[in-house]
PDB file of all heavy atoms in Angstrom:
ATOM      1  N   SER A   1     -84.145 150.143   1.936  1.00  0.00           N
ATOM      2  CA  SER A   1     -83.054 149.772   2.916  1.00  0.00           C
ATOM      3  C   SER A   1     -81.914 149.000   2.267  1.00  0.00           C
ATOM      4  O   SER A   1     -80.805 148.937   2.771  1.00  0.00           O
ATOM      5  CB  SER A   1     -83.563 149.013   3.968  1.00  0.00           C
ATOM      6  OG  SER A   1     -84.155 147.779   3.607  1.00  0.00           O
ATOM      7  N   SER A   2     -82.184 148.408   1.068  1.00  0.00           N
ATOM      8  CA  SER A   2     -81.062 147.592   0.413  1.00  0.00           C
ATOM      9  C   SER A   2     -80.388 148.287  -0.759  1.00  0.00           C
ATOM     10  O   SER A   2     -79.370 147.794  -1.166  1.00  0.00           O
ATOM     11  CB  SER A   2     -81.649 146.262   0.030  1.00  0.00           C
ATOM     12  OG  SER A   2     -82.619 146.407  -1.001  1.00  0.00           O
ATOM     13  N   VAL A   3     -81.015 149.442  -1.287  1.00  0.00           N
ATOM     14  CA  VAL A   3     -80.412 150.024  -2.417  1.00  0.00           C
ATOM     15  C   VAL A   3     -79.365 151.016  -1.981  1.00  0.00           C
ATOM     16  O   VAL A   3     -79.556 151.731  -0.997  1.00  0.00           O
ATOM     17  CB  VAL A   3     -81.535 150.828  -3.208  1.00  0.00           C
ATOM     18  CG1 VAL A   3     -80.989 151.744  -4.295  1.00  0.00           C
ATOM     19  CG2 VAL A   3     -82.533 149.842  -3.837  1.00  0.00           C
ATOM     20  N   GLN A   4     -78.219 151.019  -2.750  1.00  0.00           N
ATOM     21  CA  GLN A   4     -77.037 151.930  -2.333  1.00  0.00           C
ATOM     22  C   GLN A   4     -77.111 153.164  -3.283  1.00  0.00           C
ATOM     23  O   GLN A   4     -76.551 154.140  -2.866  1.00  0.00           O
ATOM     24  CB  GLN A   4     -75.806 151.148  -2.373  1.00  0.00           C
ATOM     25  CG  GLN A   4     -75.963 149.963  -1.409  1.00  0.00           C
ATOM     26  CD  GLN A   4     -74.487 149.474  -0.996  1.00  0.00           C
ATOM     27  OE1 GLN A   4     -73.525 150.005  -1.471  1.00  0.00           O
ATOM     28  NE2 GLN A   4     -74.519 148.598  -0.052  1.00  0.00           N
ATOM     29  N   ASP A   5     -77.559 153.051  -4.521  1.00  0.00           N
ATOM     30  CA  ASP A   5     -77.576 154.203  -5.405  1.00  0.00           C
ATOM     31  C   ASP A   5     -78.563 155.167  -4.956  1.00  0.00           C
ATOM     32  O   ASP A   5     -79.755 154.949  -4.795  1.00  0.00           O
ATOM     33  CB  ASP A   5     -77.928 153.669  -6.863  1.00  0.00           C
ATOM     34  CG  ASP A   5     -77.951 154.756  -7.833  1.00  0.00           C
ATOM     35  OD1 ASP A   5     -76.781 155.275  -8.235  1.00  0.00           O
ATOM     36  OD2 ASP A   5     -79.027 155.198  -8.337  1.00  0.00           O
ATOM     37  N   SER A   6     -78.007 156.484  -4.729  1.00  0.00           N
ATOM     38  CA  SER A   6     -78.829 157.536  -4.062  1.00  0.00           C
ATOM     39  C   SER A   6     -80.027 157.907  -5.052  1.00  0.00           C
ATOM     40  O   SER A   6     -81.160 158.175  -4.563  1.00  0.00           O
ATOM     41  CB  SER A   6     -78.034 158.660  -3.706  1.00  0.00           C
ATOM     42  OG  SER A   6     -77.396 159.253  -4.823  1.00  0.00           O
ATOM     43  N   GLU A   7     -79.803 157.947  -6.379  1.00  0.00           N
ATOM     44  CA  GLU A   7     -80.862 158.360  -7.380  1.00  0.00           C
ATOM     45  C   GLU A   7     -81.983 157.310  -7.330  1.00  0.00           C
ATOM     46  O   GLU A   7     -83.144 157.640  -7.283  1.00  0.00           O
ATOM     47  CB  GLU A   7     -80.280 158.493  -8.718  1.00  0.00           C
ATOM     48  CG  GLU A   7     -81.251 159.061  -9.722  1.00  0.00           C
ATOM     49  CD  GLU A   7     -80.616 159.423 -11.014  1.00  0.00           C
ATOM     50  OE1 GLU A   7     -79.351 159.592 -11.076  1.00  0.00           O
ATOM     51  OE2 GLU A   7     -81.259 159.342 -12.038  1.00  0.00           O
ATOM     52  N   LEU A   8     -81.584 156.043  -7.317  1.00  0.00           N
ATOM     53  CA  LEU A   8     -82.563 154.994  -7.340  1.00  0.00           C
ATOM     54  C   LEU A   8     -83.375 154.957  -6.015  1.00  0.00           C
ATOM     55  O   LEU A   8     -84.597 154.808  -5.939  1.00  0.00           O
ATOM     56  CB  LEU A   8     -81.942 153.579  -7.588  1.00  0.00           C
ATOM     57  CG  LEU A   8     -82.841 152.397  -7.604  1.00  0.00           C
ATOM     58  CD1 LEU A   8     -83.893 152.570  -8.631  1.00  0.00           C
ATOM     59  CD2 LEU A   8     -82.033 151.174  -7.866  1.00  0.00           C
ATOM     60  N   LYS A   9     -82.604 155.196  -4.873  1.00  0.00           N
ATOM     61  CA  LYS A   9     -83.183 155.208  -3.583  1.00  0.00           C
ATOM     62  C   LYS A   9     -84.312 156.360  -3.502  1.00  0.00           C
ATOM     63  O   LYS A   9     -85.353 156.187  -2.980  1.00  0.00           O
ATOM     64  CB  LYS A   9     -82.134 155.406  -2.490  1.00  0.00           C
ATOM     65  CG  LYS A   9     -82.735 155.314  -1.091  1.00  0.00           C
ATOM     66  CD  LYS A   9     -81.610 155.333  -0.044  1.00  0.00           C
ATOM     67  CE  LYS A   9     -80.959 153.993   0.065  1.00  0.00           C
ATOM     68  NZ  LYS A   9     -80.235 153.803   1.271  1.00  0.00           N
ATOM     69  N   ASN A  10     -83.957 157.503  -4.017  1.00  0.00           N
ATOM     70  CA  ASN A  10     -84.929 158.613  -4.060  1.00  0.00           C
ATOM     71  C   ASN A  10     -86.128 158.325  -4.901  1.00  0.00           C
ATOM     72  O   ASN A  10     -87.296 158.666  -4.525  1.00  0.00           O
ATOM     73  CB  ASN A  10     -84.240 159.887  -4.593  1.00  0.00           C
ATOM     74  CG  ASN A  10     -83.233 160.475  -3.644  1.00  0.00           C
ATOM     75  OD1 ASN A  10     -83.325 160.236  -2.426  1.00  0.00           O
ATOM     76  ND2 ASN A  10     -82.297 161.263  -4.186  1.00  0.00           N
ATOM     77  N   SER A  11     -85.925 157.615  -5.984  1.00  0.00           N
ATOM     78  CA  SER A  11     -87.109 157.261  -6.811  1.00  0.00           C
ATOM     79  C   SER A  11     -88.045 156.268  -6.086  1.00  0.00           C
ATOM     80  O   SER A  11     -89.231 156.444  -6.108  1.00  0.00           O
ATOM     81  CB  SER A  11     -86.640 156.566  -8.137  1.00  0.00           C
ATOM     82  OG  SER A  11     -85.935 157.468  -8.913  1.00  0.00           O
ATOM     83  N   VAL A  12     -87.451 155.302  -5.394  1.00  0.00           N
ATOM     84  CA  VAL A  12     -88.208 154.292  -4.648  1.00  0.00           C
ATOM     85  C   VAL A  12     -88.918 155.080  -3.542  1.00  0.00           C
ATOM     86  O   VAL A  12     -90.083 154.648  -3.200  1.00  0.00           O
ATOM     87  CB  VAL A  12     -87.353 153.130  -4.239  1.00  0.00           C
ATOM     88  CG1 VAL A  12     -88.164 152.147  -3.308  1.00  0.00           C
ATOM     89  CG2 VAL A  12     -86.750 152.420  -5.424  1.00  0.00           C
ATOM     90  N   GLN A  13     -88.316 156.024  -2.833  1.00  0.00           N
ATOM     91  CA  GLN A  13     -88.877 156.699  -1.720  1.00  0.00           C
ATOM     92  C   GLN A  13     -90.107 157.479  -2.276  1.00  0.00           C
ATOM     93  O   GLN A  13     -91.137 157.563  -1.666  1.00  0.00           O
ATOM     94  CB  GLN A  13     -87.873 157.641  -1.090  1.00  0.00           C
ATOM     95  CG  GLN A  13     -86.907 157.015  -0.205  1.00  0.00           C
ATOM     96  CD  GLN A  13     -85.819 157.892   0.307  1.00  0.00           C
ATOM     97  OE1 GLN A  13     -85.409 158.813  -0.343  1.00  0.00           O
ATOM     98  NE2 GLN A  13     -85.290 157.525   1.499  1.00  0.00           N
ATOM     99  N   THR A  14     -89.991 158.057  -3.468  1.00  0.00           N
ATOM    100  CA  THR A  14     -91.039 158.767  -4.077  1.00  0.00           C
ATOM    101  C   THR A  14     -92.243 157.794  -4.326  1.00  0.00           C
ATOM    102  O   THR A  14     -93.370 158.164  -4.095  1.00  0.00           O
ATOM    103  CB  THR A  14     -90.647 159.465  -5.464  1.00  0.00           C
ATOM    104  OG1 THR A  14     -89.586 160.382  -5.102  1.00  0.00           O
ATOM    105  CG2 THR A  14     -91.762 160.191  -6.137  1.00  0.00           C
ATOM    106  N   MET A  15     -91.866 156.646  -4.841  1.00  0.00           N
ATOM    107  CA  MET A  15     -92.923 155.636  -5.099  1.00  0.00           C
ATOM    108  C   MET A  15     -93.691 155.193  -3.874  1.00  0.00           C
ATOM    109  O   MET A  15     -94.891 155.057  -3.793  1.00  0.00           O
ATOM    110  CB  MET A  15     -92.348 154.391  -5.848  1.00  0.00           C
ATOM    111  CG  MET A  15     -92.026 154.693  -7.335  1.00  0.00           C
ATOM    112  SD  MET A  15     -91.251 153.241  -8.171  1.00  0.00           S
ATOM    113  CE  MET A  15     -91.545 151.871  -7.181  1.00  0.00           C
ATOM    114  N   ALA A  16     -92.863 155.009  -2.766  1.00  0.00           N
ATOM    115  CA  ALA A  16     -93.454 154.643  -1.489  1.00  0.00           C
ATOM    116  C   ALA A  16     -94.409 155.756  -1.018  1.00  0.00           C
ATOM    117  O   ALA A  16     -95.427 155.477  -0.487  1.00  0.00           O
ATOM    118  CB  ALA A  16     -92.348 154.392  -0.482  1.00  0.00           C
ATOM    119  N   GLY A  17     -94.035 156.981  -1.242  1.00  0.00           N
ATOM    120  CA  GLY A  17     -94.897 158.127  -0.772  1.00  0.00           C
ATOM    121  C   GLY A  17     -96.156 158.169  -1.642  1.00  0.00           C
ATOM    122  O   GLY A  17     -97.275 158.466  -1.032  1.00  0.00           O
ATOM    123  N   LYS A  18     -96.056 157.869  -2.883  1.00  0.00           N
ATOM    124  CA  LYS A  18     -97.227 157.900  -3.795  1.00  0.00           C
ATOM    125  C   LYS A  18     -98.204 156.712  -3.278  1.00  0.00           C
ATOM    126  O   LYS A  18     -99.481 156.940  -3.195  1.00  0.00           O
ATOM    127  CB  LYS A  18     -96.915 157.620  -5.198  1.00  0.00           C
ATOM    128  CG  LYS A  18     -96.248 158.786  -5.823  1.00  0.00           C
ATOM    129  CD  LYS A  18     -97.092 159.945  -6.036  1.00  0.00           C
ATOM    130  CE  LYS A  18     -96.320 161.091  -6.748  1.00  0.00           C
ATOM    131  NZ  LYS A  18     -97.138 162.241  -6.830  1.00  0.00           N
ATOM    132  N   HIS A  19     -97.652 155.535  -2.941  1.00  0.00           N
ATOM    133  CA  HIS A  19     -98.523 154.480  -2.539  1.00  0.00           C
ATOM    134  C   HIS A  19     -99.136 154.805  -1.135  1.00  0.00           C
ATOM    135  O   HIS A  19    -100.241 154.415  -0.860  1.00  0.00           O
ATOM    136  CB  HIS A  19     -97.743 153.109  -2.450  1.00  0.00           C
ATOM    137  CG  HIS A  19     -97.437 152.656  -3.785  1.00  0.00           C
ATOM    138  ND1 HIS A  19     -98.488 152.104  -4.700  1.00  0.00           N
ATOM    139  CD2 HIS A  19     -96.328 152.473  -4.476  1.00  0.00           C
ATOM    140  CE1 HIS A  19     -97.973 151.682  -5.747  1.00  0.00           C
ATOM    141  NE2 HIS A  19     -96.628 151.870  -5.707  1.00  0.00           N
ATOM    142  N   ARG A  20     -98.455 155.562  -0.297  1.00  0.00           N
ATOM    143  CA  ARG A  20     -99.021 155.941   0.969  1.00  0.00           C
ATOM    144  C   ARG A  20    -100.188 156.960   0.765  1.00  0.00           C
ATOM    145  O   ARG A  20    -101.162 156.871   1.394  1.00  0.00           O
ATOM    146  CB  ARG A  20     -97.853 156.608   1.850  1.00  0.00           C
ATOM    147  CG  ARG A  20     -98.254 156.885   3.245  1.00  0.00           C
ATOM    148  CD  ARG A  20     -97.131 157.318   4.107  1.00  0.00           C
ATOM    149  NE  ARG A  20     -96.037 158.032   3.431  1.00  0.00           N
ATOM    150  CZ  ARG A  20     -94.798 157.457   2.999  1.00  0.00           C
ATOM    151  NH1 ARG A  20     -94.601 156.145   3.227  1.00  0.00           N
ATOM    152  NH2 ARG A  20     -93.950 158.150   2.473  1.00  0.00           N
ATOM    153  N   GLU A  21    -100.013 157.854  -0.243  1.00  0.00           N
ATOM    154  CA  GLU A  21    -101.044 158.823  -0.620  1.00  0.00           C
ATOM    155  C   GLU A  21    -102.275 158.076  -1.055  1.00  0.00           C
ATOM    156  O   GLU A  21    -103.430 158.406  -0.720  1.00  0.00           O
ATOM    157  CB  GLU A  21    -100.559 159.788  -1.614  1.00  0.00           C
ATOM    158  CG  GLU A  21     -99.541 160.740  -1.143  1.00  0.00           C
ATOM    159  CD  GLU A  21     -99.010 161.582  -2.309  1.00  0.00           C
ATOM    160  OE1 GLU A  21     -99.709 161.687  -3.382  1.00  0.00           O
ATOM    161  OE2 GLU A  21     -97.947 162.304  -2.066  1.00  0.00           O
ATOM    162  N   ILE A  22    -102.064 157.096  -1.948  1.00  0.00           N
ATOM    163  CA  ILE A  22    -103.155 156.270  -2.449  1.00  0.00           C
ATOM    164  C   ILE A  22    -103.899 155.524  -1.384  1.00  0.00           C
ATOM    165  O   ILE A  22    -105.158 155.544  -1.278  1.00  0.00           O
ATOM    166  CB  ILE A  22    -102.693 155.331  -3.580  1.00  0.00           C
ATOM    167  CG1 ILE A  22    -102.202 156.155  -4.831  1.00  0.00           C
ATOM    168  CG2 ILE A  22    -103.790 154.392  -4.005  1.00  0.00           C
ATOM    169  CD1 ILE A  22    -101.430 155.310  -5.824  1.00  0.00           C
ATOM    170  N   PHE A  23    -103.132 154.928  -0.448  1.00  0.00           N
ATOM    171  CA  PHE A  23    -103.665 154.178   0.643  1.00  0.00           C
ATOM    172  C   PHE A  23    -104.532 155.099   1.509  1.00  0.00           C
ATOM    173  O   PHE A  23    -105.731 154.802   1.811  1.00  0.00           O
ATOM    174  CB  PHE A  23    -102.535 153.663   1.555  1.00  0.00           C
ATOM    175  CG  PHE A  23    -103.031 152.889   2.761  1.00  0.00           C
ATOM    176  CD1 PHE A  23    -103.373 151.576   2.652  1.00  0.00           C
ATOM    177  CD2 PHE A  23    -103.128 153.532   3.970  1.00  0.00           C
ATOM    178  CE1 PHE A  23    -103.821 150.861   3.803  1.00  0.00           C
ATOM    179  CE2 PHE A  23    -103.528 152.853   5.122  1.00  0.00           C
ATOM    180  CZ  PHE A  23    -103.895 151.476   5.039  1.00  0.00           C
ATOM    181  N   ASN A  24    -103.979 156.351   1.806  1.00  0.00           N
ATOM    182  CA  ASN A  24    -104.736 157.260   2.611  1.00  0.00           C
ATOM    183  C   ASN A  24    -106.035 157.815   1.849  1.00  0.00           C
ATOM    184  O   ASN A  24    -107.054 157.975   2.498  1.00  0.00           O
ATOM    185  CB  ASN A  24    -103.923 158.510   2.931  1.00  0.00           C
ATOM    186  CG  ASN A  24    -102.853 158.148   3.925  1.00  0.00           C
ATOM    187  OD1 ASN A  24    -102.978 157.218   4.758  1.00  0.00           O
ATOM    188  ND2 ASN A  24    -101.788 158.856   3.963  1.00  0.00           N
ATOM    189  N   SER A  25    -105.995 157.890   0.519  1.00  0.00           N
ATOM    190  CA  SER A  25    -107.219 158.254  -0.247  1.00  0.00           C
ATOM    191  C   SER A  25    -108.271 157.191  -0.089  1.00  0.00           C
ATOM    192  O   SER A  25    -109.472 157.501   0.099  1.00  0.00           O
ATOM    193  CB  SER A  25    -106.884 158.389  -1.705  1.00  0.00           C
ATOM    194  OG  SER A  25    -105.985 159.429  -1.860  1.00  0.00           O
ATOM    195  N   PHE A  26    -107.933 155.931  -0.090  1.00  0.00           N
ATOM    196  CA  PHE A  26    -108.844 154.834   0.081  1.00  0.00           C
ATOM    197  C   PHE A  26    -109.435 154.916   1.530  1.00  0.00           C
ATOM    198  O   PHE A  26    -110.683 154.684   1.714  1.00  0.00           O
ATOM    199  CB  PHE A  26    -108.314 153.500  -0.156  1.00  0.00           C
ATOM    200  CG  PHE A  26    -108.114 153.190  -1.603  1.00  0.00           C
ATOM    201  CD1 PHE A  26    -106.912 152.847  -2.180  1.00  0.00           C
ATOM    202  CD2 PHE A  26    -109.274 153.107  -2.411  1.00  0.00           C
ATOM    203  CE1 PHE A  26    -106.802 152.561  -3.542  1.00  0.00           C
ATOM    204  CE2 PHE A  26    -109.141 152.785  -3.777  1.00  0.00           C
ATOM    205  CZ  PHE A  26    -107.915 152.545  -4.359  1.00  0.00           C
ATOM    206  N   ILE A  27    -108.528 155.177   2.516  1.00  0.00           N
ATOM    207  CA  ILE A  27    -109.031 155.279   3.840  1.00  0.00           C
ATOM    208  C   ILE A  27    -110.026 156.394   4.010  1.00  0.00           C
ATOM    209  O   ILE A  27    -111.106 156.242   4.722  1.00  0.00           O
ATOM    210  CB  ILE A  27    -107.860 155.480   4.826  1.00  0.00           C
ATOM    211  CG1 ILE A  27    -107.008 154.311   4.970  1.00  0.00           C
ATOM    212  CG2 ILE A  27    -108.306 155.957   6.227  1.00  0.00           C
ATOM    213  CD1 ILE A  27    -107.660 153.061   5.560  1.00  0.00           C
ATOM    214  N   ASN A  28    -109.777 157.510   3.312  1.00  0.00           N
ATOM    215  CA  ASN A  28    -110.728 158.638   3.401  1.00  0.00           C
ATOM    216  C   ASN A  28    -112.010 158.345   2.782  1.00  0.00           C
ATOM    217  O   ASN A  28    -113.080 158.912   3.161  1.00  0.00           O
ATOM    218  CB  ASN A  28    -110.112 159.837   2.752  1.00  0.00           C
ATOM    219  CG  ASN A  28    -108.986 160.445   3.532  1.00  0.00           C
ATOM    220  OD1 ASN A  28    -108.906 160.320   4.749  1.00  0.00           O
ATOM    221  ND2 ASN A  28    -108.036 161.138   2.910  1.00  0.00           N
ATOM    222  N   LEU A  29    -112.086 157.395   1.817  1.00  0.00           N
ATOM    223  CA  LEU A  29    -113.365 157.004   1.243  1.00  0.00           C
ATOM    224  C   LEU A  29    -114.167 156.379   2.249  1.00  0.00           C
ATOM    225  O   LEU A  29    -115.481 156.401   2.237  1.00  0.00           O
ATOM    226  CB  LEU A  29    -113.117 155.986   0.091  1.00  0.00           C
ATOM    227  CG  LEU A  29    -112.680 156.606  -1.210  1.00  0.00           C
ATOM    228  CD1 LEU A  29    -112.321 155.398  -2.211  1.00  0.00           C
ATOM    229  CD2 LEU A  29    -113.699 157.507  -1.865  1.00  0.00           C
TER     230      LEU A  29
END
């Protein structure tokens, strides 16, 4: 929400998605 550079914002969105996937993997355990 605070980054203005679109490339950096996309990278951070990808990282957030990866952390969400990892979180869901733990929940599935």
